[in-house]
Amino acid sequence: MRAVNKKTKAHLALLGANIFYGAGFTVAKHVMPRLIQPLGFIFIRVSVVMLLFWLSFFGGEKYRTTIQKKDWPILVLGGLFGVAMNQMLFFLGLNLTFPIHASLIMMSTPLLITIISLFVLRERISVQKSIGLLLGIGGAILLMSAGKELTLTGSSALGDLFVFLNAASYAIYLVIIKPLMTRYRPIIVIRWVFFFGFLFVLPFGWPQFAAIQWSQFAFTDYLSVAFIVVCVTFFTYLWNVFALRHLPPSTAGAYIYFQPIFAAVISILVIGETLTAIKLLATLLIFSGVYLVNFGFKKKPLAGN
């Protein structure tokens, strides 16, 4: 019964994390770029969450606590791809595009992980899985090429491209950081990843952070910033770490498929975003591709591996 309760809590943690992610697309646009420019927002997000992780103490399994010399470069790259490039590209993209666009393109992450794993882990890809990759990436390209709508700051097509590059950056991060999660407590890895990510973000984010006019903020604006920092970043990282202790990574990864649904419902209700035929077609292609890659076929390692 105890194990069942832990698994139930893990599923609830993943559900809550992805609801927060879905809401974050719309909440961030409430203050960006009206009050905060994208890189200034990232500076707030990364610096505050880094402090929260370093001030947090959590028990757990007895992993190695002293970082080995060979692992420091991986942590530095994790900070670059998993925090700095990932978050800066995402907010730069979200600033130019629509929440539904951004959430759908983020669905490309599992597909990009598969592509990167082909080179890093030398996995063999089947014809069927290749079709899934083509469908998913094709859906993302369709969504980006159809982004002719104009926002207050420019073409959503450019924003879609930034979000796609963000998904690629996060995919690289997940592939290179995965081995460290088995050697160290996840909270230790996350602390160092955010520390190095903060160093990369600092020169880009500080000028826009220093230019923020805090006197123009209303109470709801402060709440929006707090929601992104505490809920969409700090809690989601913690809940994902908790869930991975009791559920396989494939289960945790499957919850990303709910993000576009949550993002679409929230953005339609809050900012009146509309669903078009192109968006629905792109959604179908992306979902089909992700399903084929992750659920339709078994992995086939290279002979001799």
C-alpha atoms as a PDB file:
ATOM      1  CA  MET A   1       0.000   0.000   0.000  1.00  0.00           C
ATOM      2  CA  ARG A   2       2.879   2.306   0.824  1.00  0.00           C
ATOM      3  CA  ALA A   3       4.451   1.764  -2.617  1.00  0.00           C
ATOM      4  CA  VAL A   4       1.116   2.411  -4.288  1.00  0.00           C
ATOM      5  CA  ASN A   5       0.753   5.679  -2.401  1.00  0.00           C
ATOM      6  CA  LYS A   6       4.231   6.792  -3.461  1.00  0.00           C
ATOM      7  CA  LYS A   7       3.471   5.991  -7.088  1.00  0.00           C
ATOM      8  CA  THR A   8       0.187   7.868  -6.875  1.00  0.00           C
ATOM      9  CA  LYS A   9       1.974  10.872  -5.405  1.00  0.00           C
ATOM     10  CA  ALA A  10       4.549  10.647  -8.189  1.00  0.00           C
ATOM     11  CA  HIS A  11       1.827  10.731 -10.842  1.00  0.00           C
ATOM     12  CA  LEU A  12       0.178  13.689  -9.109  1.00  0.00           C
ATOM     13  CA  ALA A  13       3.548  15.460  -8.984  1.00  0.00           C
ATOM     14  CA  LEU A  14       4.025  14.986 -12.737  1.00  0.00           C
ATOM     15  CA  LEU A  15       0.486  16.128 -13.440  1.00  0.00           C
ATOM     16  CA  GLY A  16       0.939  19.219 -11.280  1.00  0.00           C
ATOM     17  CA  ALA A  17       4.291  20.040 -12.875  1.00  0.00           C
ATOM     18  CA  ASN A  18       2.865  19.879 -16.387  1.00  0.00           C
ATOM     19  CA  ILE A  19      -0.186  21.959 -15.430  1.00  0.00           C
ATOM     20  CA  PHE A  20       2.260  24.589 -14.189  1.00  0.00           C
ATOM     21  CA  TYR A  21       4.243  24.305 -17.420  1.00  0.00           C
ATOM     22  CA  GLY A  22       1.077  24.717 -19.475  1.00  0.00           C
ATOM     23  CA  ALA A  23      -0.027  27.753 -17.469  1.00  0.00           C
ATOM     24  CA  GLY A  24       3.443  29.271 -17.675  1.00  0.00           C
ATOM     25  CA  PHE A  25       3.132  29.940 -21.412  1.00  0.00           C
ATOM     26  CA  THR A  26       0.272  32.385 -20.837  1.00  0.00           C
ATOM     27  CA  VAL A  27       1.290  33.793 -17.436  1.00  0.00           C
ATOM     28  CA  ALA A  28       4.744  34.813 -18.698  1.00  0.00           C
ATOM     29  CA  LYS A  29       3.203  36.821 -21.528  1.00  0.00           C
ATOM     30  CA  HIS A  30       1.170  38.785 -18.982  1.00  0.00           C
ATOM     31  CA  VAL A  31       4.287  40.744 -18.021  1.00  0.00           C
ATOM     32  CA  MET A  32       6.577  40.121 -21.012  1.00  0.00           C
ATOM     33  CA  PRO A  33       7.510  42.326 -22.817  1.00  0.00           C
ATOM     34  CA  ARG A  34       5.101  44.864 -21.321  1.00  0.00           C
ATOM     35  CA  LEU A  35       7.085  45.191 -18.079  1.00  0.00           C
ATOM     36  CA  ILE A  36      10.035  42.816 -18.373  1.00  0.00           C
ATOM     37  CA  GLN A  37      12.156  41.987 -21.397  1.00  0.00           C
ATOM     38  CA  PRO A  38      12.819  38.262 -21.982  1.00  0.00           C
ATOM     39  CA  LEU A  39      16.441  38.114 -20.829  1.00  0.00           C
ATOM     40  CA  GLY A  40      15.695  40.218 -17.753  1.00  0.00           C
ATOM     41  CA  PHE A  41      12.959  37.737 -16.857  1.00  0.00           C
ATOM     42  CA  ILE A  42      15.389  34.846 -17.272  1.00  0.00           C
ATOM     43  CA  PHE A  43      17.873  36.571 -14.969  1.00  0.00           C
ATOM     44  CA  ILE A  44      15.208  36.742 -12.246  1.00  0.00           C
ATOM     45  CA  ARG A  45      14.119  33.169 -12.841  1.00  0.00           C
ATOM     46  CA  VAL A  46      17.586  31.591 -12.840  1.00  0.00           C
ATOM     47  CA  SER A  47      19.111  33.638 -10.019  1.00  0.00           C
ATOM     48  CA  VAL A  48      16.227  33.174  -7.585  1.00  0.00           C
ATOM     49  CA  VAL A  49      15.806  29.468  -8.300  1.00  0.00           C
ATOM     50  CA  MET A  50      19.551  28.912  -8.014  1.00  0.00           C
ATOM     51  CA  LEU A  51      19.446  30.428  -4.514  1.00  0.00           C
ATOM     52  CA  LEU A  52      16.412  28.339  -3.581  1.00  0.00           C
ATOM     53  CA  PHE A  53      18.172  25.125  -4.653  1.00  0.00           C
ATOM     54  CA  TRP A  54      21.316  25.994  -2.721  1.00  0.00           C
ATOM     55  CA  LEU A  55      19.276  26.857   0.374  1.00  0.00           C
ATOM     56  CA  SER A  56      17.279  23.617   0.122  1.00  0.00           C
ATOM     57  CA  PHE A  57      18.306  20.448   1.892  1.00  0.00           C
ATOM     58  CA  PHE A  58      16.618  17.198   0.980  1.00  0.00           C
ATOM     59  CA  GLY A  59      17.325  13.698   2.142  1.00  0.00           C
ATOM     60  CA  GLY A  60      17.466  10.697  -0.118  1.00  0.00           C
ATOM     61  CA  GLU A  61      19.527   7.762  -1.230  1.00  0.00           C
ATOM     62  CA  LYS A  62      23.233   7.755  -0.461  1.00  0.00           C
ATOM     63  CA  TYR A  63      24.742   8.956  -3.698  1.00  0.00           C
ATOM     64  CA  ARG A  64      28.282  10.246  -4.203  1.00  0.00           C
ATOM     65  CA  THR A  65      28.532  13.815  -2.862  1.00  0.00           C
ATOM     66  CA  THR A  66      31.975  14.849  -4.147  1.00  0.00           C
ATOM     67  CA  ILE A  67      31.908  15.723  -7.842  1.00  0.00           C
ATOM     68  CA  GLN A  68      34.519  13.802  -9.834  1.00  0.00           C
ATOM     69  CA  LYS A  69      36.895  15.830 -11.995  1.00  0.00           C
ATOM     70  CA  LYS A  70      35.670  14.196 -15.207  1.00  0.00           C
ATOM     71  CA  ASP A  71      32.075  15.283 -14.489  1.00  0.00           C
ATOM     72  CA  TRP A  72      32.695  19.036 -14.103  1.00  0.00           C
ATOM     73  CA  PRO A  73      32.699  19.698 -17.885  1.00  0.00           C
ATOM     74  CA  ILE A  74      29.345  17.912 -18.155  1.00  0.00           C
ATOM     75  CA  LEU A  75      27.887  20.107 -15.396  1.00  0.00           C
ATOM     76  CA  VAL A  76      29.173  23.215 -17.186  1.00  0.00           C
ATOM     77  CA  LEU A  77      27.603  22.071 -20.449  1.00  0.00           C
ATOM     78  CA  GLY A  78      24.436  21.221 -18.515  1.00  0.00           C
ATOM     79  CA  GLY A  79      24.291  24.800 -17.282  1.00  0.00           C
ATOM     80  CA  LEU A  80      24.838  26.080 -20.827  1.00  0.00           C
ATOM     81  CA  PHE A  81      22.292  23.887 -22.636  1.00  0.00           C
ATOM     82  CA  GLY A  82      19.867  23.046 -19.819  1.00  0.00           C
ATOM     83  CA  VAL A  83      19.537  26.481 -18.222  1.00  0.00           C
ATOM     84  CA  ALA A  84      21.116  29.361 -20.158  1.00  0.00           C
ATOM     85  CA  MET A  85      20.398  28.563 -23.811  1.00  0.00           C
ATOM     86  CA  ASN A  86      17.264  26.592 -22.972  1.00  0.00           C
ATOM     87  CA  GLN A  87      15.559  29.327 -20.976  1.00  0.00           C
ATOM     88  CA  MET A  88      16.846  32.338 -22.912  1.00  0.00           C
ATOM     89  CA  LEU A  89      15.793  30.891 -26.274  1.00  0.00           C
ATOM     90  CA  PHE A  90      12.417  29.878 -24.861  1.00  0.00           C
ATOM     91  CA  PHE A  91      11.537  33.297 -23.462  1.00  0.00           C
ATOM     92  CA  LEU A  92      12.890  35.091 -26.538  1.00  0.00           C
ATOM     93  CA  GLY A  93      10.648  32.829 -28.617  1.00  0.00           C
ATOM     94  CA  LEU A  94       7.609  33.105 -26.350  1.00  0.00           C
ATOM     95  CA  ASN A  95       7.956  36.883 -26.524  1.00  0.00           C
ATOM     96  CA  LEU A  96       7.361  36.707 -30.285  1.00  0.00           C
ATOM     97  CA  THR A  97       4.909  33.843 -30.693  1.00  0.00           C
ATOM     98  CA  PHE A  98       1.701  32.471 -29.197  1.00  0.00           C
ATOM     99  CA  PRO A  99       1.391  30.150 -26.168  1.00  0.00           C
ATOM    100  CA  ILE A 100      -0.219  27.377 -28.227  1.00  0.00           C
ATOM    101  CA  HIS A 101       2.561  27.579 -30.837  1.00  0.00           C
ATOM    102  CA  ALA A 102       5.249  27.389 -28.164  1.00  0.00           C
ATOM    103  CA  SER A 103       3.645  24.458 -26.329  1.00  0.00           C
ATOM    104  CA  LEU A 104       3.203  22.463 -29.540  1.00  0.00           C
ATOM    105  CA  ILE A 105       6.784  23.013 -30.680  1.00  0.00           C
ATOM    106  CA  MET A 106       8.011  21.910 -27.247  1.00  0.00           C
ATOM    107  CA  MET A 107       6.448  18.559 -28.155  1.00  0.00           C
ATOM    108  CA  SER A 108       9.432  18.135 -30.476  1.00  0.00           C
ATOM    109  CA  THR A 109      11.714  17.591 -27.468  1.00  0.00           C
ATOM    110  CA  PRO A 110      11.230  13.783 -27.243  1.00  0.00           C
ATOM    111  CA  LEU A 111      11.812  13.541 -30.987  1.00  0.00           C
ATOM    112  CA  LEU A 112      15.001  15.581 -30.790  1.00  0.00           C
ATOM    113  CA  ILE A 113      16.199  13.448 -27.879  1.00  0.00           C
ATOM    114  CA  THR A 114      15.821  10.393 -30.118  1.00  0.00           C
ATOM    115  CA  ILE A 115      17.816  12.046 -32.918  1.00  0.00           C
ATOM    116  CA  ILE A 116      20.620  13.125 -30.574  1.00  0.00           C
ATOM    117  CA  SER A 117      20.713   9.664 -28.983  1.00  0.00           C
ATOM    118  CA  LEU A 118      21.352   8.176 -32.417  1.00  0.00           C
ATOM    119  CA  PHE A 119      24.733   9.916 -32.449  1.00  0.00           C
ATOM    120  CA  VAL A 120      25.592   9.948 -28.740  1.00  0.00           C
ATOM    121  CA  LEU A 121      24.298   6.497 -27.731  1.00  0.00           C
ATOM    122  CA  ARG A 122      24.628   4.942 -31.194  1.00  0.00           C
ATOM    123  CA  GLU A 123      21.116   3.554 -31.241  1.00  0.00           C
ATOM    124  CA  ARG A 124      19.809   1.985 -34.428  1.00  0.00           C
ATOM    125  CA  ILE A 125      16.684   3.601 -35.834  1.00  0.00           C
ATOM    126  CA  SER A 126      14.013   1.548 -37.602  1.00  0.00           C
ATOM    127  CA  VAL A 127      12.094   2.603 -40.685  1.00  0.00           C
ATOM    128  CA  GLN A 128       8.931   2.993 -38.609  1.00  0.00           C
ATOM    129  CA  LYS A 129      10.673   5.195 -36.068  1.00  0.00           C
ATOM    130  CA  SER A 130      12.124   7.269 -38.923  1.00  0.00           C
ATOM    131  CA  ILE A 131       8.587   7.859 -40.140  1.00  0.00           C
ATOM    132  CA  GLY A 132       7.625   9.016 -36.646  1.00  0.00           C
ATOM    133  CA  LEU A 133      10.529  11.470 -36.569  1.00  0.00           C
ATOM    134  CA  LEU A 134       9.613  12.849 -39.980  1.00  0.00           C
ATOM    135  CA  LEU A 135       5.978  13.292 -38.948  1.00  0.00           C
ATOM    136  CA  GLY A 136       6.844  15.052 -35.700  1.00  0.00           C
ATOM    137  CA  ILE A 137       9.515  17.370 -37.082  1.00  0.00           C
ATOM    138  CA  GLY A 138       7.298  17.998 -40.106  1.00  0.00           C
ATOM    139  CA  GLY A 139       4.508  19.136 -37.822  1.00  0.00           C
ATOM    140  CA  ALA A 140       6.834  21.540 -36.037  1.00  0.00           C
ATOM    141  CA  ILE A 141       8.096  22.943 -39.366  1.00  0.00           C
ATOM    142  CA  LEU A 142       4.513  23.314 -40.602  1.00  0.00           C
ATOM    143  CA  LEU A 143       3.618  25.262 -37.485  1.00  0.00           C
ATOM    144  CA  MET A 144       6.654  27.525 -37.854  1.00  0.00           C
ATOM    145  CA  SER A 145       6.203  28.121 -41.587  1.00  0.00           C
ATOM    146  CA  ALA A 146       2.534  28.943 -41.041  1.00  0.00           C
ATOM    147  CA  GLY A 147       3.342  31.473 -38.316  1.00  0.00           C
ATOM    148  CA  LYS A 148       2.425  34.490 -40.397  1.00  0.00           C
ATOM    149  CA  GLU A 149       0.428  36.154 -37.633  1.00  0.00           C
ATOM    150  CA  LEU A 150       1.916  39.283 -36.152  1.00  0.00           C
ATOM    151  CA  THR A 151       2.263  39.879 -32.436  1.00  0.00           C
ATOM    152  CA  LEU A 152       3.059  43.193 -30.785  1.00  0.00           C
ATOM    153  CA  THR A 153       6.754  42.463 -31.229  1.00  0.00           C
ATOM    154  CA  GLY A 154       7.056  40.782 -34.594  1.00  0.00           C
ATOM    155  CA  SER A 155       6.469  37.618 -36.585  1.00  0.00           C
ATOM    156  CA  SER A 156       5.541  34.496 -34.685  1.00  0.00           C
ATOM    157  CA  ALA A 157       7.590  32.441 -37.187  1.00  0.00           C
ATOM    158  CA  LEU A 158      10.834  33.794 -35.690  1.00  0.00           C
ATOM    159  CA  GLY A 159       9.505  33.096 -32.200  1.00  0.00           C
ATOM    160  CA  ASP A 160       8.626  29.550 -33.223  1.00  0.00           C
ATOM    161  CA  LEU A 161      12.193  29.046 -34.468  1.00  0.00           C
ATOM    162  CA  PHE A 162      13.613  30.223 -31.140  1.00  0.00           C
ATOM    163  CA  VAL A 163      11.326  27.817 -29.263  1.00  0.00           C
ATOM    164  CA  PHE A 164      12.407  24.972 -31.552  1.00  0.00           C
ATOM    165  CA  LEU A 165      16.078  25.763 -30.870  1.00  0.00           C
ATOM    166  CA  ASN A 166      15.210  25.836 -27.173  1.00  0.00           C
ATOM    167  CA  ALA A 167      13.730  22.331 -27.473  1.00  0.00           C
ATOM    168  CA  ALA A 168      16.918  21.160 -29.198  1.00  0.00           C
ATOM    169  CA  SER A 169      19.045  22.679 -26.437  1.00  0.00           C
ATOM    170  CA  TYR A 170      16.989  20.990 -23.735  1.00  0.00           C
ATOM    171  CA  ALA A 171      17.201  17.668 -25.586  1.00  0.00           C
ATOM    172  CA  ILE A 172      21.011  17.916 -25.615  1.00  0.00           C
ATOM    173  CA  TYR A 173      20.928  18.678 -21.891  1.00  0.00           C
ATOM    174  CA  LEU A 174      18.801  15.621 -21.066  1.00  0.00           C
ATOM    175  CA  VAL A 175      21.071  13.298 -23.021  1.00  0.00           C
ATOM    176  CA  ILE A 176      24.373  14.528 -21.541  1.00  0.00           C
ATOM    177  CA  ILE A 177      23.147  14.957 -17.945  1.00  0.00           C
ATOM    178  CA  LYS A 178      21.377  11.593 -17.605  1.00  0.00           C
ATOM    179  CA  PRO A 179      24.518   9.624 -16.551  1.00  0.00           C
ATOM    180  CA  LEU A 180      25.171  12.052 -13.674  1.00  0.00           C
ATOM    181  CA  MET A 181      21.714  11.411 -12.213  1.00  0.00           C
ATOM    182  CA  THR A 182      22.771   7.825 -11.445  1.00  0.00           C
ATOM    183  CA  ARG A 183      26.030   8.826  -9.726  1.00  0.00           C
ATOM    184  CA  TYR A 184      24.869  11.815  -7.667  1.00  0.00           C
ATOM    185  CA  ARG A 185      21.732  12.899  -5.868  1.00  0.00           C
ATOM    186  CA  PRO A 186      19.596  14.785  -8.416  1.00  0.00           C
ATOM    187  CA  ILE A 187      19.381  17.868  -6.178  1.00  0.00           C
ATOM    188  CA  ILE A 188      23.194  18.130  -6.215  1.00  0.00           C
ATOM    189  CA  VAL A 189      23.278  17.955 -10.007  1.00  0.00           C
ATOM    190  CA  ILE A 190      20.528  20.564 -10.327  1.00  0.00           C
ATOM    191  CA  ARG A 191      22.321  22.934  -7.921  1.00  0.00           C
ATOM    192  CA  TRP A 192      25.498  22.946  -9.994  1.00  0.00           C
ATOM    193  CA  VAL A 193      23.630  23.069 -13.301  1.00  0.00           C
ATOM    194  CA  PHE A 194      21.782  26.198 -12.159  1.00  0.00           C
ATOM    195  CA  PHE A 195      24.985  27.721 -10.764  1.00  0.00           C
ATOM    196  CA  PHE A 196      26.806  27.429 -14.095  1.00  0.00           C
ATOM    197  CA  GLY A 197      23.646  28.412 -15.946  1.00  0.00           C
ATOM    198  CA  PHE A 198      23.468  31.587 -13.876  1.00  0.00           C
ATOM    199  CA  LEU A 199      27.060  32.475 -14.847  1.00  0.00           C
ATOM    200  CA  PHE A 200      26.148  32.128 -18.533  1.00  0.00           C
ATOM    201  CA  VAL A 201      22.924  34.139 -18.147  1.00  0.00           C
ATOM    202  CA  LEU A 202      24.480  36.951 -16.083  1.00  0.00           C
ATOM    203  CA  PRO A 203      26.089  39.052 -18.883  1.00  0.00           C
ATOM    204  CA  PHE A 204      23.000  38.798 -21.104  1.00  0.00           C
ATOM    205  CA  GLY A 205      20.259  39.169 -18.507  1.00  0.00           C
ATOM    206  CA  TRP A 206      21.678  41.797 -16.164  1.00  0.00           C
ATOM    207  CA  PRO A 207      21.221  44.845 -18.482  1.00  0.00           C
ATOM    208  CA  GLN A 208      17.534  44.075 -19.042  1.00  0.00           C
ATOM    209  CA  PHE A 209      17.047  43.272 -15.350  1.00  0.00           C
ATOM    210  CA  ALA A 210      18.617  46.599 -14.340  1.00  0.00           C
ATOM    211  CA  ALA A 211      16.233  48.414 -16.720  1.00  0.00           C
ATOM    212  CA  ILE A 212      13.059  47.058 -15.063  1.00  0.00           C
ATOM    213  CA  GLN A 213      10.790  49.795 -13.675  1.00  0.00           C
ATOM    214  CA  TRP A 214       9.407  48.057 -10.589  1.00  0.00           C
ATOM    215  CA  SER A 215       7.211  51.036  -9.724  1.00  0.00           C
ATOM    216  CA  GLN A 216       5.032  50.222 -12.756  1.00  0.00           C
ATOM    217  CA  PHE A 217       4.157  46.767 -11.440  1.00  0.00           C
ATOM    218  CA  ALA A 218       0.665  46.026 -10.179  1.00  0.00           C
ATOM    219  CA  PHE A 219      -0.008  43.306  -7.600  1.00  0.00           C
ATOM    220  CA  THR A 220      -1.038  40.838 -10.329  1.00  0.00           C
ATOM    221  CA  ASP A 221       2.240  41.497 -12.143  1.00  0.00           C
ATOM    222  CA  TYR A 222       4.238  40.542  -9.063  1.00  0.00           C
ATOM    223  CA  LEU A 223       2.100  37.414  -8.727  1.00  0.00           C
ATOM    224  CA  SER A 224       2.834  36.472 -12.344  1.00  0.00           C
ATOM    225  CA  VAL A 225       6.587  36.763 -11.815  1.00  0.00           C
ATOM    226  CA  ALA A 226       6.380  34.796  -8.565  1.00  0.00           C
ATOM    227  CA  PHE A 227       4.322  32.075 -10.269  1.00  0.00           C
ATOM    228  CA  ILE A 228       6.904  31.624 -13.043  1.00  0.00           C
ATOM    229  CA  VAL A 229       9.848  31.574 -10.630  1.00  0.00           C
ATOM    230  CA  VAL A 230       8.420  29.464  -7.796  1.00  0.00           C
ATOM    231  CA  CYS A 231       5.842  27.244  -9.493  1.00  0.00           C
ATOM    232  CA  VAL A 232       6.976  26.870 -13.105  1.00  0.00           C
ATOM    233  CA  THR A 233      10.675  26.528 -12.235  1.00  0.00           C
ATOM    234  CA  PHE A 234      11.421  25.571  -8.617  1.00  0.00           C
ATOM    235  CA  PHE A 235       8.470  23.274  -7.872  1.00  0.00           C
ATOM    236  CA  THR A 236       8.464  21.629 -11.301  1.00  0.00           C
ATOM    237  CA  TYR A 237      12.137  20.667 -10.968  1.00  0.00           C
ATOM    238  CA  LEU A 238      11.545  19.271  -7.478  1.00  0.00           C
ATOM    239  CA  TRP A 239       8.399  17.381  -8.465  1.00  0.00           C
ATOM    240  CA  ASN A 240      10.094  15.856 -11.502  1.00  0.00           C
ATOM    241  CA  VAL A 241      12.992  14.706  -9.331  1.00  0.00           C
ATOM    242  CA  PHE A 242      10.556  13.174  -6.817  1.00  0.00           C
ATOM    243  CA  ALA A 243       8.603  11.421  -9.588  1.00  0.00           C
ATOM    244  CA  LEU A 244      11.752   9.926 -11.123  1.00  0.00           C
ATOM    245  CA  ARG A 245      12.486   8.171  -7.824  1.00  0.00           C
ATOM    246  CA  HIS A 246       9.277   6.126  -8.119  1.00  0.00           C
ATOM    247  CA  LEU A 247       8.472   6.025 -11.851  1.00  0.00           C
ATOM    248  CA  PRO A 248      10.498   5.182 -14.975  1.00  0.00           C
ATOM    249  CA  PRO A 249      11.748   8.107 -17.108  1.00  0.00           C
ATOM    250  CA  SER A 250       9.497   7.048 -19.994  1.00  0.00           C
ATOM    251  CA  THR A 251       6.435   7.584 -17.804  1.00  0.00           C
ATOM    252  CA  ALA A 252       7.660  10.987 -16.688  1.00  0.00           C
ATOM    253  CA  GLY A 253       8.402  11.953 -20.287  1.00  0.00           C
ATOM    254  CA  ALA A 254       4.918  10.945 -21.417  1.00  0.00           C
ATOM    255  CA  TYR A 255       3.366  13.702 -19.308  1.00  0.00           C
ATOM    256  CA  ILE A 256       4.829  16.337 -21.646  1.00  0.00           C
ATOM    257  CA  TYR A 257       2.056  15.381 -24.073  1.00  0.00           C
ATOM    258  CA  PHE A 258      -0.471  17.077 -21.777  1.00  0.00           C
ATOM    259  CA  GLN A 259       1.261  20.464 -21.940  1.00  0.00           C
ATOM    260  CA  PRO A 260      -0.284  21.622 -25.244  1.00  0.00           C
ATOM    261  CA  ILE A 261      -3.749  20.717 -23.927  1.00  0.00           C
ATOM    262  CA  PHE A 262      -3.283  22.717 -20.719  1.00  0.00           C
ATOM    263  CA  ALA A 263      -1.623  25.598 -22.602  1.00  0.00           C
ATOM    264  CA  ALA A 264      -4.373  25.700 -25.230  1.00  0.00           C
ATOM    265  CA  VAL A 265      -7.239  25.724 -22.711  1.00  0.00           C
ATOM    266  CA  ILE A 266      -5.603  28.413 -20.562  1.00  0.00           C
ATOM    267  CA  SER A 267      -4.568  30.649 -23.486  1.00  0.00           C
ATOM    268  CA  ILE A 268      -8.026  30.411 -25.095  1.00  0.00           C
ATOM    269  CA  LEU A 269      -9.771  31.279 -21.823  1.00  0.00           C
ATOM    270  CA  VAL A 270      -7.364  34.016 -20.724  1.00  0.00           C
ATOM    271  CA  ILE A 271      -6.092  35.764 -23.885  1.00  0.00           C
ATOM    272  CA  GLY A 272      -8.580  34.540 -26.488  1.00  0.00           C
ATOM    273  CA  GLU A 273      -6.083  32.676 -28.671  1.00  0.00           C
ATOM    274  CA  THR A 274      -7.752  30.717 -31.469  1.00  0.00           C
ATOM    275  CA  LEU A 275      -7.188  27.237 -32.911  1.00  0.00           C
ATOM    276  CA  THR A 276      -6.818  27.160 -36.695  1.00  0.00           C
ATOM    277  CA  ALA A 277      -6.853  24.241 -39.138  1.00  0.00           C
ATOM    278  CA  ILE A 278      -3.067  24.550 -39.580  1.00  0.00           C
ATOM    279  CA  LYS A 279      -2.513  24.346 -35.821  1.00  0.00           C
ATOM    280  CA  LEU A 280      -4.766  21.311 -35.555  1.00  0.00           C
ATOM    281  CA  LEU A 281      -2.962  19.574 -38.440  1.00  0.00           C
ATOM    282  CA  ALA A 282       0.422  20.373 -36.906  1.00  0.00           C
ATOM    283  CA  THR A 283      -0.827  19.010 -33.579  1.00  0.00           C
ATOM    284  CA  LEU A 284      -1.914  15.751 -35.234  1.00  0.00           C
ATOM    285  CA  LEU A 285       1.471  15.351 -36.951  1.00  0.00           C
ATOM    286  CA  ILE A 286       3.463  16.044 -33.787  1.00  0.00           C
ATOM    287  CA  PHE A 287       1.365  13.745 -31.587  1.00  0.00           C
ATOM    288  CA  SER A 288       1.532  10.970 -34.207  1.00  0.00           C
ATOM    289  CA  GLY A 289       5.283  11.307 -34.521  1.00  0.00           C
ATOM    290  CA  VAL A 290       5.883  11.295 -30.777  1.00  0.00           C
ATOM    291  CA  TYR A 291       3.647   8.259 -30.350  1.00  0.00           C
ATOM    292  CA  LEU A 292       5.437   6.276 -33.059  1.00  0.00           C
ATOM    293  CA  VAL A 293       8.883   7.121 -31.713  1.00  0.00           C
ATOM    294  CA  ASN A 294       8.162   6.473 -28.037  1.00  0.00           C
ATOM    295  CA  PHE A 295       5.448   3.824 -27.888  1.00  0.00           C
ATOM    296  CA  GLY A 296       5.132   2.074 -31.213  1.00  0.00           C
ATOM    297  CA  PHE A 297       8.394   0.182 -31.423  1.00  0.00           C
ATOM    298  CA  LYS A 298      11.079  -1.372 -29.304  1.00  0.00           C
ATOM    299  CA  LYS A 299      14.677  -0.165 -29.345  1.00  0.00           C
ATOM    300  CA  LYS A 300      17.092  -2.191 -31.461  1.00  0.00           C
ATOM    301  CA  PRO A 301      20.695  -1.761 -30.276  1.00  0.00           C
ATOM    302  CA  LEU A 302      23.589  -2.219 -32.669  1.00  0.00           C
ATOM    303  CA  ALA A 303      24.946  -5.714 -33.002  1.00  0.00           C
ATOM    304  CA  GLY A 304      27.775  -6.328 -30.579  1.00  0.00           C
ATOM    305  CA  ASN A 305      26.637  -3.638 -28.092  1.00  0.00           C
END
